[in-house]
Amino acid sequence: MINILLVILLGIVGVGLFLLELFLLPGFGIAGIGGVAALIASVALAYIRIGHMAGTITLVAETVIALIAIIAFFRSKAINKMALDTTIDSQVGLAKPGTRMEEELKEKNKQ
């Protein structure tokens, strides 16, 4: 019974840290590494201490939950708030080949 609770607890902590890393903390930091480690530990404990069927069920359940979280992340527009999206609208006036920029500016000001 303790083994099952430990597997469930590690799975919940792993998914929670994984979601925290996805939605709130940019980059791949401590929460992401901890979440992945907890998910791997949960699956390993399920295989070792409970059995192959429980390990497979744990692996499939955690994979499905992680995929649902990733799909929800991409659909939630949260990535737009984290991504750098800057457009530059300015233009640079370049001199014609063989002329100096000062001469080009004088010519523009005359027009």
N, C-alpha and C. Protein backbone atom coordinates (compact mmCIF):
# COMPACT_ATOMS: atom_id res chain seq x y z
N MET A 1 0.82 -1.20 0.00
CA MET A 1 0.00 0.00 0.00
C MET A 1 0.86 1.27 0.00
N ILE A 2 1.95 1.26 0.76
CA ILE A 2 2.84 2.41 0.80
C ILE A 2 3.50 2.62 -0.56
N ASN A 3 3.82 1.52 -1.23
CA ASN A 3 4.44 1.63 -2.56
C ASN A 3 3.52 2.33 -3.55
N ILE A 4 2.24 1.98 -3.51
CA ILE A 4 1.27 2.58 -4.42
C ILE A 4 1.13 4.07 -4.13
N LEU A 5 1.05 4.42 -2.84
CA LEU A 5 0.94 5.83 -2.47
C LEU A 5 2.18 6.62 -2.88
N LEU A 6 3.36 6.00 -2.74
CA LEU A 6 4.60 6.65 -3.13
C LEU A 6 4.64 6.89 -4.64
N VAL A 7 4.21 5.90 -5.42
CA VAL A 7 4.17 6.05 -6.88
C VAL A 7 3.20 7.15 -7.27
N ILE A 8 2.03 7.17 -6.65
CA ILE A 8 1.03 8.21 -6.96
C ILE A 8 1.55 9.58 -6.56
N LEU A 9 2.15 9.68 -5.37
CA LEU A 9 2.67 10.95 -4.90
C LEU A 9 3.79 11.47 -5.81
N LEU A 10 4.71 10.60 -6.18
CA LEU A 10 5.78 11.01 -7.10
C LEU A 10 5.22 11.42 -8.46
N GLY A 11 4.20 10.72 -8.93
CA GLY A 11 3.57 11.09 -10.20
C GLY A 11 2.91 12.45 -10.14
N ILE A 12 2.21 12.73 -9.04
CA ILE A 12 1.54 14.03 -8.88
C ILE A 12 2.57 15.15 -8.77
N VAL A 13 3.61 14.92 -7.97
CA VAL A 13 4.66 15.93 -7.82
C VAL A 13 5.37 16.16 -9.17
N GLY A 14 5.65 15.08 -9.88
CA GLY A 14 6.32 15.20 -11.18
C GLY A 14 5.50 15.97 -12.18
N VAL A 15 4.22 15.64 -12.28
CA VAL A 15 3.34 16.35 -13.22
C VAL A 15 3.17 17.80 -12.79
N GLY A 16 3.06 18.04 -11.49
CA GLY A 16 2.93 19.41 -11.00
C GLY A 16 4.15 20.25 -11.31
N LEU A 17 5.33 19.70 -11.07
CA LEU A 17 6.55 20.44 -11.39
C LEU A 17 6.71 20.64 -12.90
N PHE A 18 6.31 19.63 -13.67
CA PHE A 18 6.36 19.74 -15.13
C PHE A 18 5.44 20.86 -15.62
N LEU A 19 4.22 20.93 -15.08
CA LEU A 19 3.28 21.98 -15.46
C LEU A 19 3.77 23.35 -15.00
N LEU A 20 4.37 23.40 -13.81
CA LEU A 20 4.93 24.65 -13.31
C LEU A 20 6.02 25.16 -14.24
N GLU A 21 6.86 24.25 -14.68
CA GLU A 21 7.94 24.62 -15.59
C GLU A 21 7.39 25.07 -16.95
N LEU A 22 6.35 24.40 -17.42
CA LEU A 22 5.78 24.76 -18.72
C LEU A 22 5.10 26.12 -18.70
N PHE A 23 4.23 26.34 -17.73
CA PHE A 23 3.37 27.51 -17.77
C PHE A 23 3.93 28.73 -17.05
N LEU A 24 4.74 28.57 -16.02
CA LEU A 24 5.15 29.72 -15.23
C LEU A 24 6.63 30.07 -15.33
N LEU A 25 7.47 29.07 -15.37
CA LEU A 25 8.91 29.32 -15.34
C LEU A 25 9.51 29.07 -16.71
N PRO A 26 10.02 30.11 -17.35
CA PRO A 26 10.61 29.90 -18.68
C PRO A 26 11.94 29.16 -18.58
N GLY A 27 12.27 28.46 -19.62
CA GLY A 27 13.53 27.72 -19.65
C GLY A 27 13.37 26.33 -19.07
N PHE A 28 14.49 25.66 -18.95
CA PHE A 28 14.47 24.30 -18.39
C PHE A 28 15.33 24.34 -17.14
N GLY A 29 14.71 24.59 -15.99
CA GLY A 29 15.44 24.78 -14.76
C GLY A 29 15.22 23.68 -13.76
N ILE A 30 15.30 24.04 -12.50
CA ILE A 30 15.23 23.08 -11.40
C ILE A 30 13.86 22.39 -11.37
N ALA A 31 12.80 23.16 -11.60
CA ALA A 31 11.46 22.56 -11.56
C ALA A 31 11.29 21.53 -12.68
N GLY A 32 11.80 21.83 -13.85
CA GLY A 32 11.70 20.88 -14.97
C GLY A 32 12.51 19.63 -14.73
N ILE A 33 13.73 19.80 -14.24
CA ILE A 33 14.58 18.64 -13.96
C ILE A 33 13.98 17.81 -12.83
N GLY A 34 13.49 18.50 -11.79
CA GLY A 34 12.84 17.78 -10.68
C GLY A 34 11.59 17.05 -11.10
N GLY A 35 10.80 17.68 -11.98
CA GLY A 35 9.58 17.04 -12.47
C GLY A 35 9.87 15.80 -13.29
N VAL A 36 10.84 15.90 -14.18
CA VAL A 36 11.21 14.74 -15.00
C VAL A 36 11.79 13.64 -14.12
N ALA A 37 12.61 14.02 -13.14
CA ALA A 37 13.18 13.01 -12.22
C ALA A 37 12.09 12.33 -11.40
N ALA A 38 11.11 13.09 -10.95
CA ALA A 38 10.00 12.50 -10.18
C ALA A 38 9.17 11.56 -11.05
N LEU A 39 8.94 11.94 -12.29
CA LEU A 39 8.17 11.07 -13.20
C LEU A 39 8.94 9.78 -13.48
N ILE A 40 10.23 9.88 -13.72
CA ILE A 40 11.03 8.68 -13.97
C ILE A 40 11.08 7.80 -12.73
N ALA A 41 11.25 8.43 -11.56
CA ALA A 41 11.27 7.66 -10.31
C ALA A 41 9.94 6.97 -10.05
N SER A 42 8.86 7.64 -10.38
CA SER A 42 7.53 7.06 -10.20
C SER A 42 7.35 5.81 -11.06
N VAL A 43 7.75 5.90 -12.32
CA VAL A 43 7.63 4.75 -13.22
C VAL A 43 8.56 3.63 -12.79
N ALA A 44 9.79 3.97 -12.40
CA ALA A 44 10.75 2.95 -11.97
C ALA A 44 10.27 2.24 -10.71
N LEU A 45 9.75 2.99 -9.75
CA LEU A 45 9.23 2.36 -8.53
C LEU A 45 8.03 1.48 -8.82
N ALA A 46 7.18 1.93 -9.74
CA ALA A 46 6.02 1.11 -10.09
C ALA A 46 6.46 -0.21 -10.71
N TYR A 47 7.45 -0.18 -11.59
CA TYR A 47 7.94 -1.42 -12.20
C TYR A 47 8.63 -2.31 -11.17
N ILE A 48 9.46 -1.73 -10.33
CA ILE A 48 10.27 -2.52 -9.41
C ILE A 48 9.46 -3.06 -8.23
N ARG A 49 8.67 -2.21 -7.61
CA ARG A 49 8.02 -2.59 -6.35
C ARG A 49 6.62 -3.15 -6.51
N ILE A 50 5.91 -2.77 -7.56
CA ILE A 50 4.52 -3.22 -7.69
C ILE A 50 4.38 -4.29 -8.75
N GLY A 51 5.01 -4.09 -9.91
CA GLY A 51 4.93 -5.09 -10.96
C GLY A 51 4.91 -4.46 -12.33
N HIS A 52 5.00 -5.32 -13.33
CA HIS A 52 5.07 -4.85 -14.71
C HIS A 52 3.78 -4.18 -15.17
N MET A 53 2.65 -4.71 -14.76
CA MET A 53 1.38 -4.12 -15.18
C MET A 53 1.22 -2.72 -14.59
N ALA A 54 1.54 -2.56 -13.32
CA ALA A 54 1.43 -1.24 -12.68
C ALA A 54 2.44 -0.27 -13.29
N GLY A 55 3.63 -0.75 -13.60
CA GLY A 55 4.62 0.11 -14.23
C GLY A 55 4.18 0.59 -15.60
N THR A 56 3.60 -0.30 -16.37
CA THR A 56 3.11 0.06 -17.70
C THR A 56 1.96 1.05 -17.60
N ILE A 57 1.04 0.80 -16.67
CA ILE A 57 -0.09 1.72 -16.48
C ILE A 57 0.42 3.10 -16.06
N THR A 58 1.38 3.13 -15.15
CA THR A 58 1.96 4.40 -14.70
C THR A 58 2.65 5.12 -15.85
N LEU A 59 3.41 4.39 -16.63
CA LEU A 59 4.12 4.98 -17.76
C LEU A 59 3.14 5.57 -18.77
N VAL A 60 2.11 4.82 -19.11
CA VAL A 60 1.12 5.30 -20.09
C VAL A 60 0.35 6.50 -19.54
N ALA A 61 -0.05 6.43 -18.27
CA ALA A 61 -0.82 7.53 -17.68
C ALA A 61 0.00 8.81 -17.63
N GLU A 62 1.24 8.71 -17.20
CA GLU A 62 2.07 9.90 -17.12
C GLU A 62 2.42 10.46 -18.50
N THR A 63 2.60 9.60 -19.47
CA THR A 63 2.86 10.06 -20.83
C THR A 63 1.65 10.79 -21.40
N VAL A 64 0.47 10.25 -21.18
CA VAL A 64 -0.76 10.89 -21.67
C VAL A 64 -0.97 12.23 -20.99
N ILE A 65 -0.75 12.29 -19.68
CA ILE A 65 -0.92 13.54 -18.95
C ILE A 65 0.09 14.58 -19.44
N ALA A 66 1.33 14.17 -19.65
CA ALA A 66 2.35 15.10 -20.14
C ALA A 66 2.01 15.60 -21.54
N LEU A 67 1.53 14.73 -22.42
CA LEU A 67 1.15 15.16 -23.77
C LEU A 67 -0.03 16.11 -23.75
N ILE A 68 -1.01 15.83 -22.89
CA ILE A 68 -2.16 16.74 -22.74
C ILE A 68 -1.69 18.10 -22.25
N ALA A 69 -0.75 18.11 -21.31
CA ALA A 69 -0.21 19.37 -20.78
C ALA A 69 0.52 20.15 -21.87
N ILE A 70 1.30 19.47 -22.68
CA ILE A 70 2.04 20.15 -23.76
C ILE A 70 1.09 20.71 -24.80
N ILE A 71 0.06 19.94 -25.17
CA ILE A 71 -0.93 20.41 -26.13
C ILE A 71 -1.68 21.61 -25.56
N ALA A 72 -2.06 21.55 -24.29
CA ALA A 72 -2.74 22.68 -23.65
C ALA A 72 -1.85 23.91 -23.60
N PHE A 73 -0.55 23.70 -23.39
CA PHE A 73 0.39 24.81 -23.36
C PHE A 73 0.45 25.52 -24.69
N PHE A 74 0.53 24.78 -25.78
CA PHE A 74 0.62 25.41 -27.09
C PHE A 74 -0.70 26.05 -27.51
N ARG A 75 -1.81 25.57 -27.03
CA ARG A 75 -3.10 26.16 -27.38
C ARG A 75 -3.46 27.35 -26.49
N SER A 76 -2.78 27.53 -25.38
CA SER A 76 -3.19 28.53 -24.39
C SER A 76 -2.65 29.93 -24.64
N LYS A 77 -1.89 30.14 -25.65
CA LYS A 77 -1.29 31.43 -25.97
C LYS A 77 -0.27 31.87 -24.91
N ALA A 78 0.08 31.00 -23.98
CA ALA A 78 1.08 31.34 -22.97
C ALA A 78 2.45 31.50 -23.61
N ILE A 79 2.67 30.79 -24.68
CA ILE A 79 3.97 30.88 -25.35
C ILE A 79 4.17 32.26 -25.98
N ASN A 80 3.08 32.93 -26.35
CA ASN A 80 3.19 34.26 -26.94
C ASN A 80 3.68 35.28 -25.91
N LYS A 81 3.34 35.06 -24.64
CA LYS A 81 3.80 35.97 -23.59
C LYS A 81 5.27 35.74 -23.26
N MET A 82 5.77 34.54 -23.50
CA MET A 82 7.15 34.22 -23.17
C MET A 82 8.10 34.47 -24.34
N ALA A 83 7.58 34.39 -25.54
CA ALA A 83 8.45 34.49 -26.73
C ALA A 83 8.76 35.95 -27.03
N LEU A 84 9.94 36.17 -27.53
CA LEU A 84 10.34 37.50 -27.96
C LEU A 84 9.80 37.71 -29.37
N ASP A 85 8.89 38.65 -29.50
CA ASP A 85 8.26 38.91 -30.79
C ASP A 85 8.34 40.40 -31.08
N THR A 86 9.42 40.82 -31.66
CA THR A 86 9.64 42.23 -31.95
C THR A 86 9.90 42.40 -33.44
N THR A 87 9.20 43.34 -34.01
CA THR A 87 9.46 43.65 -35.41
C THR A 87 10.09 45.03 -35.48
N ILE A 88 10.99 45.20 -36.38
CA ILE A 88 11.68 46.47 -36.57
C ILE A 88 11.15 47.09 -37.86
N ASP A 89 10.54 48.26 -37.73
CA ASP A 89 9.92 48.92 -38.87
C ASP A 89 10.78 50.05 -39.44
N SER A 90 11.86 50.38 -38.81
CA SER A 90 12.67 51.50 -39.28
C SER A 90 13.47 51.12 -40.51
N GLN A 91 13.86 52.13 -41.25
CA GLN A 91 14.64 51.91 -42.45
C GLN A 91 15.95 52.68 -42.34
N VAL A 92 16.96 52.17 -42.94
CA VAL A 92 18.26 52.81 -42.93
C VAL A 92 18.51 53.39 -44.32
N GLY A 93 18.80 54.69 -44.34
CA GLY A 93 19.10 55.32 -45.62
C GLY A 93 20.58 55.10 -45.95
N LEU A 94 20.83 54.43 -47.02
CA LEU A 94 22.21 54.15 -47.42
C LEU A 94 22.61 55.05 -48.58
N ALA A 95 23.86 55.44 -48.58
CA ALA A 95 24.38 56.26 -49.68
C ALA A 95 24.57 55.40 -50.92
N LYS A 96 24.49 56.06 -52.07
CA LYS A 96 24.75 55.36 -53.32
C LYS A 96 26.22 54.99 -53.37
N PRO A 97 26.55 53.94 -54.04
CA PRO A 97 27.97 53.57 -54.13
C PRO A 97 28.80 54.69 -54.72
N GLY A 98 29.90 55.02 -54.08
CA GLY A 98 30.80 56.06 -54.57
C GLY A 98 30.50 57.43 -54.01
N THR A 99 29.44 57.61 -53.23
CA THR A 99 29.14 58.91 -52.63
C THR A 99 29.22 58.80 -51.11
N ARG A 100 29.39 59.92 -50.48
CA ARG A 100 29.41 59.94 -49.02
C ARG A 100 28.01 60.19 -48.49
N MET A 101 27.75 59.78 -47.29
CA MET A 101 26.42 59.91 -46.70
C MET A 101 26.04 61.38 -46.55
N GLU A 102 27.01 62.26 -46.23
CA GLU A 102 26.70 63.67 -46.07
C GLU A 102 26.19 64.27 -47.38
N GLU A 103 26.81 63.88 -48.48
CA GLU A 103 26.39 64.38 -49.79
C GLU A 103 24.98 63.89 -50.12
N GLU A 104 24.69 62.65 -49.74
CA GLU A 104 23.36 62.08 -49.99
C GLU A 104 22.30 62.83 -49.19
N LEU A 105 22.61 63.17 -47.94
CA LEU A 105 21.66 63.91 -47.10
C LEU A 105 21.43 65.32 -47.63
N LYS A 106 22.48 65.99 -48.10
CA LYS A 106 22.33 67.33 -48.68
C LYS A 106 21.45 67.29 -49.90
N GLU A 107 21.61 66.25 -50.69
CA GLU A 107 20.82 66.11 -51.91
C GLU A 107 19.35 65.88 -51.56
N LYS A 108 19.08 65.10 -50.51
CA LYS A 108 17.68 64.84 -50.10
C LYS A 108 17.06 66.10 -49.55
N ASN A 109 17.83 66.89 -48.80
CA ASN A 109 17.28 68.10 -48.19
C ASN A 109 16.95 69.16 -49.25
N LYS A 110 17.64 69.16 -50.37
CA LYS A 110 17.36 70.10 -51.46
C LYS A 110 16.03 69.80 -52.12
N GLN A 111 15.62 68.56 -52.10
CA GLN A 111 14.38 68.15 -52.78
C GLN A 111 13.20 68.45 -51.97
